[in-house]
Structure formats: C-alpha cells, structure tokens
Amino acid sequence: MRTLRTVALVTAPPVFLAVAGLVHSRHLTASTSAHWVALHIALLPAFPLLVLGLLVPLWGRPARDLDGALTVVVWAGCFGYAAYYSGLDAVAGIYRRAARLSVGAC
C-alpha cells in the first residue's frame, strides 16, 4: 500500500500539469486572459510538487560519501526550483498583464 501511495504522490503533479497543458491557451490575448490567469493560479501549487519525483527516491539521510553529497546537491536544487519557479511564474504573469495594459492605454 505504501508503494502505491508513493507512486501516486510522485506521478500526480506531472499528470495534473499534462492535463492542464491540454487546455492551456497558446497565446495570451484579451479574450483568453481570464482563462490564462485562472489556469496559472490553479497550477501554482503543482509546479513545486514536481520536485517530489526527485526527492522521493532520495528520501532518507544522506551518507558521508559522494552519493550523500550529490543527494544534498539535488535537495538544494529541488528547493531552489520549488521556491523560485512559482515566483518566476507570478512575476512573468504580472509583467505580461502590465505590458498588455500599457500597450492598450497608448
């Protein structure tokens, strides 16, 4: 049962993102902006959860050898991705929206 739960935990975020990608608009326009914003807000928690696919196999305490050092590097990379990708997506969305509004105002 634990293996099934682990597999579900690791595969749920990428599958959720793949399904969401099927309904994601290709271009941000005035007519698609509401859908784009709603989808990106819904996906905000999913992107950091992608790191589970790397972290779950590396679960446990790292040893004091090369494998342990690489485990810590992967953990740090996963933390960086989880923390900064959400911020990047939010800032990019705000920028795109502001750019669209400033072009429309001129």
Protein backbone atom coordinates (compact mmCIF):
# COMPACT_ATOMS: atom_id res chain seq x y z
CA MET A 1 0.00 0.00 0.00
CA ARG A 2 2.87 2.36 0.78
CA THR A 3 4.37 1.82 -2.68
CA LEU A 4 1.06 2.67 -4.34
CA ARG A 5 0.77 5.84 -2.27
CA THR A 6 4.34 6.83 -3.15
CA VAL A 7 3.77 6.25 -6.85
CA ALA A 8 0.56 8.30 -6.72
CA LEU A 9 2.35 11.09 -4.84
CA VAL A 10 5.15 11.24 -7.40
CA THR A 11 3.03 10.93 -10.54
CA ALA A 12 0.04 13.11 -9.65
CA PRO A 13 1.68 16.54 -10.20
CA PRO A 14 3.12 15.78 -13.68
CA VAL A 15 -0.14 14.16 -14.80
CA PHE A 16 -2.11 17.14 -13.49
CA LEU A 17 0.19 19.52 -15.39
CA ALA A 18 -0.09 17.45 -18.57
CA VAL A 19 -3.88 17.55 -18.43
CA ALA A 20 -3.83 21.28 -17.72
CA GLY A 21 -1.49 21.78 -20.67
CA LEU A 22 -4.16 20.38 -22.96
CA VAL A 23 -6.46 23.30 -22.13
CA HIS A 24 -3.77 25.99 -21.87
CA SER A 25 -4.13 28.73 -24.46
CA ARG A 26 -1.18 29.14 -26.82
CA HIS A 27 -1.20 32.93 -26.76
CA LEU A 28 -2.24 35.46 -24.18
CA THR A 29 -4.87 37.74 -25.67
CA ALA A 30 -7.62 39.85 -24.18
CA SER A 31 -10.13 37.10 -24.87
CA THR A 32 -8.01 34.36 -23.24
CA SER A 33 -6.61 36.37 -20.32
CA ALA A 34 -9.22 35.30 -17.75
CA HIS A 35 -8.73 31.63 -18.60
CA TRP A 36 -4.93 32.08 -18.58
CA VAL A 37 -4.96 33.71 -15.15
CA ALA A 38 -7.33 31.11 -13.65
CA LEU A 39 -5.25 28.23 -15.01
CA HIS A 40 -1.97 29.68 -13.77
CA ILE A 41 -3.38 30.32 -10.31
CA ALA A 42 -4.68 26.75 -10.17
CA LEU A 43 -1.29 25.42 -11.28
CA LEU A 44 0.79 27.45 -8.80
CA PRO A 45 0.92 24.64 -6.21
CA ALA A 46 1.54 21.95 -8.84
CA PHE A 47 4.90 23.19 -10.12
CA PRO A 48 6.73 22.98 -6.78
CA LEU A 49 5.29 19.49 -6.27
CA LEU A 50 7.18 18.31 -9.36
CA VAL A 51 10.28 18.03 -7.19
CA LEU A 52 8.74 15.03 -5.44
CA GLY A 53 9.79 12.92 -8.42
CA LEU A 54 13.39 13.60 -7.46
CA LEU A 55 13.07 13.82 -3.69
CA VAL A 56 11.13 10.63 -3.02
CA PRO A 57 13.83 8.30 -4.43
CA LEU A 58 16.40 10.22 -2.37
CA TRP A 59 14.36 10.05 0.84
CA GLY A 60 16.41 9.37 3.92
CA ARG A 61 19.54 10.72 5.45
CA PRO A 62 22.49 11.22 3.11
CA ALA A 63 25.63 9.23 3.82
CA ARG A 64 29.07 10.83 4.24
CA ASP A 65 30.28 9.90 0.77
CA LEU A 66 29.93 11.11 -2.81
CA ASP A 67 26.37 9.80 -3.08
CA GLY A 68 25.44 11.68 0.07
CA ALA A 69 26.99 14.89 -1.23
CA LEU A 70 25.12 14.55 -4.52
CA THR A 71 21.90 13.92 -2.61
CA VAL A 72 22.34 17.21 -0.78
CA VAL A 73 23.04 18.99 -4.09
CA VAL A 74 19.82 17.55 -5.55
CA TRP A 75 17.87 18.59 -2.45
CA ALA A 76 19.21 22.13 -2.78
CA GLY A 77 18.36 22.22 -6.49
CA CYS A 78 14.84 20.97 -5.78
CA PHE A 79 14.37 23.61 -3.10
CA GLY A 80 15.60 26.31 -5.48
CA TYR A 81 13.27 25.16 -8.23
CA ALA A 82 10.26 24.88 -5.92
CA ALA A 83 10.85 28.30 -4.42
CA TYR A 84 11.84 30.30 -7.46
CA TYR A 85 9.69 28.84 -10.23
CA SER A 86 6.47 29.91 -8.53
CA GLY A 87 7.85 33.41 -8.11
CA LEU A 88 9.04 33.50 -11.71
CA ASP A 89 5.63 32.41 -12.99
CA ALA A 90 3.89 35.03 -10.88
CA VAL A 91 6.24 37.84 -11.93
CA ALA A 92 6.05 36.83 -15.60
CA GLY A 93 2.26 36.86 -15.43
CA ILE A 94 2.20 40.27 -13.77
CA TYR A 95 4.67 41.61 -16.33
CA ARG A 96 2.67 40.25 -19.28
CA ARG A 97 -0.53 41.72 -17.89
CA ALA A 98 1.10 45.10 -17.22
CA ALA A 99 2.66 45.14 -20.69
CA ARG A 100 -0.73 44.40 -22.26
CA LEU A 101 -2.39 47.16 -20.25
CA SER A 102 0.27 49.74 -21.10
CA VAL A 103 0.06 48.91 -24.82
CA GLY A 104 -3.73 49.20 -24.70
CA ALA A 105 -3.53 52.55 -22.88
CA CYS A 106 -1.41 54.22 -25.56
